[in-house]
Amino acid sequence: MSFQDIFEISQSIGVNDHRTVGQQVSRSGQVTVSEYLTGVPYVFTVKPHNFLYYPQARQILSDLRLCDRSLIDTIQFQTNNLKWYVAYQGQFLNPSNLKVASIPAANSQTIILQNLPTVASTTLAFKTGDFIQFGGYVYNVTADVLRGSGTTISVNVHRPIVNTYITVNNYLDGVGINIMFNMIMESYPTYTLTPMTNGAFIQWDGDFVFREALGQF
């Protein structure tokens, strides 16, 4: 629970899920845009609350010391403090029962899913902004998807699909609060202990930065 604990006691969470895009403005004012194709990893910048009581936080510090900046840990957004960020917005009763219908082409940003429930064709399978996980990686849905009348649905996602671990007919790893991010700590702030009666308050000298561990789990 090391990385997870820091998210739970966060004062704020910064999210970077941007593509790598360069812009150049000419003298005439024209803008040229170029994009470098990457895995677009999720990066979370977490500002922890200061004044944690050291006797109550020693386990958190111990777990962080174990993972440090070298080991992968997981982050979930299941608690009342965090679940609003990833909550499923569609109308399927059990969206995690969907299965992968085919292996996506290289650099594709579309996943084909099957094993659809028997519901009205106008039922919303996914709403823009929903989070889904397959092949170990988390993706953000970029357009509403209806159930339709066919046996499969096409879901567009925000980044090229990392298809190393995708297997046809496998269930989705998770949808909404059931997704899990595999992260490495990129920035690990130090802390200062301010003594008080029978203990001390913890004050951090900066923010934690966690980067998605693409291809490393």
C-alpha atoms as a PDB file:
ATOM      1  CA  MET A   1       0.000   0.000   0.000  1.00  0.00           C
ATOM      2  CA  SER A   2       2.933   2.367  -0.377  1.00  0.00           C
ATOM      3  CA  PHE A   3       2.091   4.388  -3.482  1.00  0.00           C
ATOM      4  CA  GLN A   4      -1.624   3.977  -2.822  1.00  0.00           C
ATOM      5  CA  ASP A   5      -1.297   5.523   0.632  1.00  0.00           C
ATOM      6  CA  ILE A   6       0.263   8.675  -0.810  1.00  0.00           C
ATOM      7  CA  PHE A   7      -2.692   9.067  -3.177  1.00  0.00           C
ATOM      8  CA  GLU A   8      -5.125   8.602  -0.291  1.00  0.00           C
ATOM      9  CA  ILE A   9      -3.554  11.406   1.746  1.00  0.00           C
ATOM     10  CA  SER A  10      -2.975  13.717  -1.203  1.00  0.00           C
ATOM     11  CA  GLN A  11      -3.713  17.410  -1.098  1.00  0.00           C
ATOM     12  CA  SER A  12      -3.881  17.501  -4.897  1.00  0.00           C
ATOM     13  CA  ILE A  13      -3.188  15.172  -7.842  1.00  0.00           C
ATOM     14  CA  GLY A  14      -1.830  16.461 -11.144  1.00  0.00           C
ATOM     15  CA  VAL A  15      -2.523  14.313 -14.216  1.00  0.00           C
ATOM     16  CA  ASN A  16      -0.416  14.307 -17.384  1.00  0.00           C
ATOM     17  CA  ASP A  17      -1.777  12.036 -20.127  1.00  0.00           C
ATOM     18  CA  HIS A  18      -0.711  14.257 -23.026  1.00  0.00           C
ATOM     19  CA  ARG A  19       0.760  13.089 -26.293  1.00  0.00           C
ATOM     20  CA  THR A  20       4.255  14.286 -27.259  1.00  0.00           C
ATOM     21  CA  VAL A  21       3.523  17.187 -29.612  1.00  0.00           C
ATOM     22  CA  GLY A  22       5.837  19.915 -30.892  1.00  0.00           C
ATOM     23  CA  GLN A  23       4.761  23.280 -32.288  1.00  0.00           C
ATOM     24  CA  GLN A  24       6.704  25.827 -34.276  1.00  0.00           C
ATOM     25  CA  VAL A  25       5.432  29.286 -35.226  1.00  0.00           C
ATOM     26  CA  SER A  26       6.824  30.876 -38.396  1.00  0.00           C
ATOM     27  CA  ARG A  27       7.511  34.587 -38.789  1.00  0.00           C
ATOM     28  CA  SER A  28       4.247  34.905 -40.682  1.00  0.00           C
ATOM     29  CA  GLY A  29       2.354  33.446 -37.749  1.00  0.00           C
ATOM     30  CA  GLN A  30       1.671  29.998 -39.222  1.00  0.00           C
ATOM     31  CA  VAL A  31       1.792  27.111 -36.777  1.00  0.00           C
ATOM     32  CA  THR A  32       3.430  23.811 -37.725  1.00  0.00           C
ATOM     33  CA  VAL A  33       2.550  20.830 -35.559  1.00  0.00           C
ATOM     34  CA  SER A  34       4.377  17.512 -35.357  1.00  0.00           C
ATOM     35  CA  GLU A  35       3.755  14.548 -33.078  1.00  0.00           C
ATOM     36  CA  TYR A  36       6.216  11.955 -31.855  1.00  0.00           C
ATOM     37  CA  LEU A  37       4.489   8.610 -31.452  1.00  0.00           C
ATOM     38  CA  THR A  38       4.934   7.277 -27.916  1.00  0.00           C
ATOM     39  CA  GLY A  39       3.093   5.065 -25.449  1.00  0.00           C
ATOM     40  CA  VAL A  40       1.665   8.225 -23.802  1.00  0.00           C
ATOM     41  CA  PRO A  41       2.259   7.078 -20.210  1.00  0.00           C
ATOM     42  CA  TYR A  42       0.103   8.383 -17.396  1.00  0.00           C
ATOM     43  CA  VAL A  43       2.061  10.637 -15.039  1.00  0.00           C
ATOM     44  CA  PHE A  44       0.604  11.623 -11.661  1.00  0.00           C
ATOM     45  CA  THR A  45       2.081  14.455  -9.588  1.00  0.00           C
ATOM     46  CA  VAL A  46       0.867  14.065  -6.014  1.00  0.00           C
ATOM     47  CA  LYS A  47       1.136  16.813  -3.438  1.00  0.00           C
ATOM     48  CA  PRO A  48       0.986  15.088  -0.040  1.00  0.00           C
ATOM     49  CA  HIS A  49      -0.535  16.624   3.036  1.00  0.00           C
ATOM     50  CA  ASN A  50       2.003  17.976   5.462  1.00  0.00           C
ATOM     51  CA  PHE A  51       1.657  17.505   9.212  1.00  0.00           C
ATOM     52  CA  LEU A  52       1.166  13.755   9.082  1.00  0.00           C
ATOM     53  CA  TYR A  53       1.719  12.387  12.569  1.00  0.00           C
ATOM     54  CA  TYR A  54       4.912  10.340  12.430  1.00  0.00           C
ATOM     55  CA  PRO A  55       3.880   7.555  14.874  1.00  0.00           C
ATOM     56  CA  GLN A  56       0.827   6.887  12.678  1.00  0.00           C
ATOM     57  CA  ALA A  57       2.661   7.154   9.352  1.00  0.00           C
ATOM     58  CA  ARG A  58       5.708   4.983   9.972  1.00  0.00           C
ATOM     59  CA  GLN A  59       4.252   2.084   7.946  1.00  0.00           C
ATOM     60  CA  ILE A  60       3.719   4.391   4.944  1.00  0.00           C
ATOM     61  CA  LEU A  61       7.312   5.614   5.156  1.00  0.00           C
ATOM     62  CA  SER A  62       8.599   2.055   5.468  1.00  0.00           C
ATOM     63  CA  ASP A  63       6.676   0.912   2.383  1.00  0.00           C
ATOM     64  CA  LEU A  64       7.911   3.890   0.374  1.00  0.00           C
ATOM     65  CA  ARG A  65      11.466   3.138   1.432  1.00  0.00           C
ATOM     66  CA  LEU A  66      11.045  -0.412   0.143  1.00  0.00           C
ATOM     67  CA  CYS A  67       9.774   0.547  -3.328  1.00  0.00           C
ATOM     68  CA  ASP A  68      11.808   3.754  -3.627  1.00  0.00           C
ATOM     69  CA  ARG A  69      12.346   4.704  -7.300  1.00  0.00           C
ATOM     70  CA  SER A  70      13.170   1.210  -8.543  1.00  0.00           C
ATOM     71  CA  LEU A  71      10.182  -1.061  -7.912  1.00  0.00           C
ATOM     72  CA  ILE A  72       6.761  -1.083  -9.567  1.00  0.00           C
ATOM     73  CA  ASP A  73       3.683  -0.621  -7.415  1.00  0.00           C
ATOM     74  CA  THR A  74      -0.013  -0.334  -8.250  1.00  0.00           C
ATOM     75  CA  ILE A  75      -2.501   2.497  -7.908  1.00  0.00           C
ATOM     76  CA  GLN A  76      -6.279   2.060  -7.790  1.00  0.00           C
ATOM     77  CA  PHE A  77      -9.049   4.635  -7.530  1.00  0.00           C
ATOM     78  CA  GLN A  78     -11.584   2.565  -5.593  1.00  0.00           C
ATOM     79  CA  THR A  79     -12.002   4.462  -2.335  1.00  0.00           C
ATOM     80  CA  ASN A  80     -14.535   7.205  -1.664  1.00  0.00           C
ATOM     81  CA  ASN A  81     -11.690   9.729  -1.798  1.00  0.00           C
ATOM     82  CA  LEU A  82     -10.712   8.781  -5.359  1.00  0.00           C
ATOM     83  CA  LYS A  83     -13.354   6.734  -7.211  1.00  0.00           C
ATOM     84  CA  TRP A  84     -15.006   9.794  -8.775  1.00  0.00           C
ATOM     85  CA  TYR A  85     -12.002  10.065 -11.112  1.00  0.00           C
ATOM     86  CA  VAL A  86     -12.567   6.727 -12.884  1.00  0.00           C
ATOM     87  CA  ALA A  87     -16.235   5.873 -12.177  1.00  0.00           C
ATOM     88  CA  TYR A  88     -17.913   3.995 -15.055  1.00  0.00           C
ATOM     89  CA  GLN A  89     -20.479   6.146 -16.892  1.00  0.00           C
ATOM     90  CA  GLY A  90     -21.946   3.560 -19.278  1.00  0.00           C
ATOM     91  CA  GLN A  91     -25.103   1.510 -18.826  1.00  0.00           C
ATOM     92  CA  PHE A  92     -23.891  -2.099 -19.003  1.00  0.00           C
ATOM     93  CA  LEU A  93     -24.492  -4.011 -15.786  1.00  0.00           C
ATOM     94  CA  ASN A  94     -21.160  -5.890 -15.987  1.00  0.00           C
ATOM     95  CA  PRO A  95     -18.899  -4.118 -18.508  1.00  0.00           C
ATOM     96  CA  SER A  96     -15.883  -6.178 -17.394  1.00  0.00           C
ATOM     97  CA  ASN A  97     -17.548  -9.223 -19.021  1.00  0.00           C
ATOM     98  CA  LEU A  98     -16.636  -7.871 -22.447  1.00  0.00           C
ATOM     99  CA  LYS A  99     -13.901  -9.781 -24.284  1.00  0.00           C
ATOM    100  CA  VAL A 100     -11.220  -8.820 -26.796  1.00  0.00           C
ATOM    101  CA  ALA A 101     -12.369  -9.847 -30.278  1.00  0.00           C
ATOM    102  CA  SER A 102      -9.113  -9.356 -32.220  1.00  0.00           C
ATOM    103  CA  ILE A 103      -5.510  -8.226 -31.820  1.00  0.00           C
ATOM    104  CA  PRO A 104      -5.248  -4.526 -32.733  1.00  0.00           C
ATOM    105  CA  ALA A 105      -2.939  -3.504 -35.560  1.00  0.00           C
ATOM    106  CA  ALA A 106       0.320  -1.762 -34.692  1.00  0.00           C
ATOM    107  CA  ASN A 107      -0.240   1.800 -33.418  1.00  0.00           C
ATOM    108  CA  SER A 108      -4.007   1.328 -33.595  1.00  0.00           C
ATOM    109  CA  GLN A 109      -6.173   3.357 -31.213  1.00  0.00           C
ATOM    110  CA  THR A 110      -9.237   1.135 -31.589  1.00  0.00           C
ATOM    111  CA  ILE A 111     -10.089  -2.036 -29.706  1.00  0.00           C
ATOM    112  CA  ILE A 112     -12.794  -4.450 -30.894  1.00  0.00           C
ATOM    113  CA  LEU A 113     -14.835  -6.065 -28.101  1.00  0.00           C
ATOM    114  CA  GLN A 114     -17.278  -8.977 -28.109  1.00  0.00           C
ATOM    115  CA  ASN A 115     -19.435 -10.967 -25.656  1.00  0.00           C
ATOM    116  CA  LEU A 116     -21.993  -8.167 -25.590  1.00  0.00           C
ATOM    117  CA  PRO A 117     -25.016  -8.367 -23.273  1.00  0.00           C
ATOM    118  CA  THR A 118     -28.538  -8.744 -24.600  1.00  0.00           C
ATOM    119  CA  VAL A 119     -29.804  -5.199 -24.138  1.00  0.00           C
ATOM    120  CA  ALA A 120     -31.326  -2.492 -26.327  1.00  0.00           C
ATOM    121  CA  SER A 121     -29.144  -1.307 -29.203  1.00  0.00           C
ATOM    122  CA  THR A 122     -29.291   2.237 -27.820  1.00  0.00           C
ATOM    123  CA  THR A 123     -27.784   1.189 -24.476  1.00  0.00           C
ATOM    124  CA  LEU A 124     -24.585   3.090 -23.757  1.00  0.00           C
ATOM    125  CA  ALA A 125     -21.642   0.705 -23.525  1.00  0.00           C
ATOM    126  CA  PHE A 126     -19.070   3.411 -22.806  1.00  0.00           C
ATOM    127  CA  LYS A 127     -19.236   7.156 -22.420  1.00  0.00           C
ATOM    128  CA  THR A 128     -16.472   9.533 -23.424  1.00  0.00           C
ATOM    129  CA  GLY A 129     -13.953   9.664 -20.593  1.00  0.00           C
ATOM    130  CA  ASP A 130     -14.546   6.122 -19.317  1.00  0.00           C
ATOM    131  CA  PHE A 131     -11.487   4.136 -18.249  1.00  0.00           C
ATOM    132  CA  ILE A 132     -10.928   0.571 -19.464  1.00  0.00           C
ATOM    133  CA  GLN A 133      -8.008  -1.808 -18.971  1.00  0.00           C
ATOM    134  CA  PHE A 134      -6.852  -4.691 -21.139  1.00  0.00           C
ATOM    135  CA  GLY A 135      -3.491  -6.298 -21.744  1.00  0.00           C
ATOM    136  CA  GLY A 136      -2.406  -4.784 -18.432  1.00  0.00           C
ATOM    137  CA  TYR A 137      -2.734  -1.166 -19.557  1.00  0.00           C
ATOM    138  CA  VAL A 138      -5.313   1.543 -18.905  1.00  0.00           C
ATOM    139  CA  TYR A 139      -6.968   3.526 -21.702  1.00  0.00           C
ATOM    140  CA  ASN A 140      -9.380   6.432 -21.817  1.00  0.00           C
ATOM    141  CA  VAL A 141     -12.407   6.134 -24.135  1.00  0.00           C
ATOM    142  CA  THR A 142     -12.577   9.076 -26.556  1.00  0.00           C
ATOM    143  CA  ALA A 143     -16.120   8.735 -27.950  1.00  0.00           C
ATOM    144  CA  ASP A 144     -19.489   7.400 -26.797  1.00  0.00           C
ATOM    145  CA  VAL A 145     -20.096   3.762 -27.780  1.00  0.00           C
ATOM    146  CA  LEU A 146     -23.589   2.276 -28.111  1.00  0.00           C
ATOM    147  CA  ARG A 147     -24.398  -1.432 -27.855  1.00  0.00           C
ATOM    148  CA  GLY A 148     -25.687  -1.494 -31.437  1.00  0.00           C
ATOM    149  CA  SER A 149     -27.167  -4.572 -33.084  1.00  0.00           C
ATOM    150  CA  GLY A 150     -23.978  -6.445 -34.006  1.00  0.00           C
ATOM    151  CA  THR A 151     -21.844  -8.963 -32.147  1.00  0.00           C
ATOM    152  CA  THR A 152     -18.926  -6.579 -31.565  1.00  0.00           C
ATOM    153  CA  ILE A 153     -18.320  -2.936 -30.738  1.00  0.00           C
ATOM    154  CA  SER A 154     -15.391  -0.681 -31.657  1.00  0.00           C
ATOM    155  CA  VAL A 155     -13.966   1.440 -28.845  1.00  0.00           C
ATOM    156  CA  ASN A 156     -11.647   4.351 -29.648  1.00  0.00           C
ATOM    157  CA  VAL A 157      -9.021   5.141 -27.017  1.00  0.00           C
ATOM    158  CA  HIS A 158      -6.672   8.031 -26.310  1.00  0.00           C
ATOM    159  CA  ARG A 159      -3.331   6.413 -27.139  1.00  0.00           C
ATOM    160  CA  PRO A 160      -1.786   3.690 -29.292  1.00  0.00           C
ATOM    161  CA  ILE A 161      -2.617   0.278 -27.878  1.00  0.00           C
ATOM    162  CA  VAL A 162       0.238  -1.577 -26.215  1.00  0.00           C
ATOM    163  CA  ASN A 163      -0.685  -5.024 -27.481  1.00  0.00           C
ATOM    164  CA  THR A 164       2.138  -7.114 -26.013  1.00  0.00           C
ATOM    165  CA  TYR A 165      -0.136  -8.837 -23.492  1.00  0.00           C
ATOM    166  CA  ILE A 166      -3.434  -8.832 -25.391  1.00  0.00           C
ATOM    167  CA  THR A 167      -4.989 -12.224 -26.118  1.00  0.00           C
ATOM    168  CA  VAL A 168      -8.108 -12.817 -28.186  1.00  0.00           C
ATOM    169  CA  ASN A 169     -11.170 -13.835 -26.154  1.00  0.00           C
ATOM    170  CA  ASN A 170      -9.683 -12.582 -22.896  1.00  0.00           C
ATOM    171  CA  TYR A 171     -11.942 -10.569 -20.621  1.00  0.00           C
ATOM    172  CA  LEU A 172     -11.184  -6.914 -20.001  1.00  0.00           C
ATOM    173  CA  ASP A 173      -8.874  -6.500 -17.021  1.00  0.00           C
ATOM    174  CA  GLY A 174     -11.136  -3.862 -15.562  1.00  0.00           C
ATOM    175  CA  VAL A 175     -13.541  -0.998 -16.150  1.00  0.00           C
ATOM    176  CA  GLY A 176     -14.071   2.093 -13.989  1.00  0.00           C
ATOM    177  CA  ILE A 177     -13.050   1.619 -10.367  1.00  0.00           C
ATOM    178  CA  ASN A 178     -11.674  -1.857 -11.156  1.00  0.00           C
ATOM    179  CA  ILE A 179      -8.755  -0.580 -13.240  1.00  0.00           C
ATOM    180  CA  MET A 180      -5.218  -0.614 -11.881  1.00  0.00           C
ATOM    181  CA  PHE A 181      -2.249   1.552 -12.844  1.00  0.00           C
ATOM    182  CA  ASN A 182       1.255   0.038 -12.690  1.00  0.00           C
ATOM    183  CA  MET A 183       3.540   2.867 -11.638  1.00  0.00           C
ATOM    184  CA  ILE A 184       7.171   3.701 -10.899  1.00  0.00           C
ATOM    185  CA  MET A 185       8.053   6.593  -8.599  1.00  0.00           C
ATOM    186  CA  GLU A 186       9.923   9.167 -10.648  1.00  0.00           C
ATOM    187  CA  SER A 187      10.353  11.818  -7.956  1.00  0.00           C
ATOM    188  CA  TYR A 188      10.715  10.937  -4.284  1.00  0.00           C
ATOM    189  CA  PRO A 189      10.748  13.970  -1.963  1.00  0.00           C
ATOM    190  CA  THR A 190      12.518  13.899   1.363  1.00  0.00           C
ATOM    191  CA  TYR A 191      10.787  14.774   4.612  1.00  0.00           C
ATOM    192  CA  THR A 192      11.509  16.773   7.755  1.00  0.00           C
ATOM    193  CA  LEU A 193      10.361  15.786  11.232  1.00  0.00           C
ATOM    194  CA  THR A 194       9.068  18.615  13.422  1.00  0.00           C
ATOM    195  CA  PRO A 195       9.052  17.320  17.020  1.00  0.00           C
ATOM    196  CA  MET A 196       5.976  17.600  19.206  1.00  0.00           C
ATOM    197  CA  THR A 197       4.691  15.787  22.278  1.00  0.00           C
ATOM    198  CA  ASN A 198       5.349  12.047  21.930  1.00  0.00           C
ATOM    199  CA  GLY A 199       6.141  12.284  18.225  1.00  0.00           C
ATOM    200  CA  ALA A 200       6.639  14.614  15.288  1.00  0.00           C
ATOM    201  CA  PHE A 201       4.889  16.050  12.265  1.00  0.00           C
ATOM    202  CA  ILE A 202       6.103  15.076   8.784  1.00  0.00           C
ATOM    203  CA  GLN A 203       6.722  17.810   6.235  1.00  0.00           C
ATOM    204  CA  TRP A 204       7.692  16.957   2.648  1.00  0.00           C
ATOM    205  CA  ASP A 205      10.091  19.103   0.613  1.00  0.00           C
ATOM    206  CA  GLY A 206       8.260  18.562  -2.692  1.00  0.00           C
ATOM    207  CA  ASP A 207       5.761  16.488  -4.644  1.00  0.00           C
ATOM    208  CA  PHE A 208       5.719  12.803  -5.508  1.00  0.00           C
ATOM    209  CA  VAL A 209       5.739  12.006  -9.235  1.00  0.00           C
ATOM    210  CA  PHE A 210       4.574   8.591 -10.440  1.00  0.00           C
ATOM    211  CA  ARG A 211       5.011   7.448 -14.063  1.00  0.00           C
ATOM    212  CA  GLU A 212       3.244   4.506 -15.668  1.00  0.00           C
ATOM    213  CA  ALA A 213       5.559   1.520 -16.083  1.00  0.00           C
ATOM    214  CA  LEU A 214       5.085   0.836 -19.779  1.00  0.00           C
ATOM    215  CA  GLY A 215       6.546  -2.534 -20.837  1.00  0.00           C
ATOM    216  CA  GLN A 216       8.027  -3.248 -17.404  1.00  0.00           C
ATOM    217  CA  PHE A 217       5.616  -5.606 -15.664  1.00  0.00           C
END
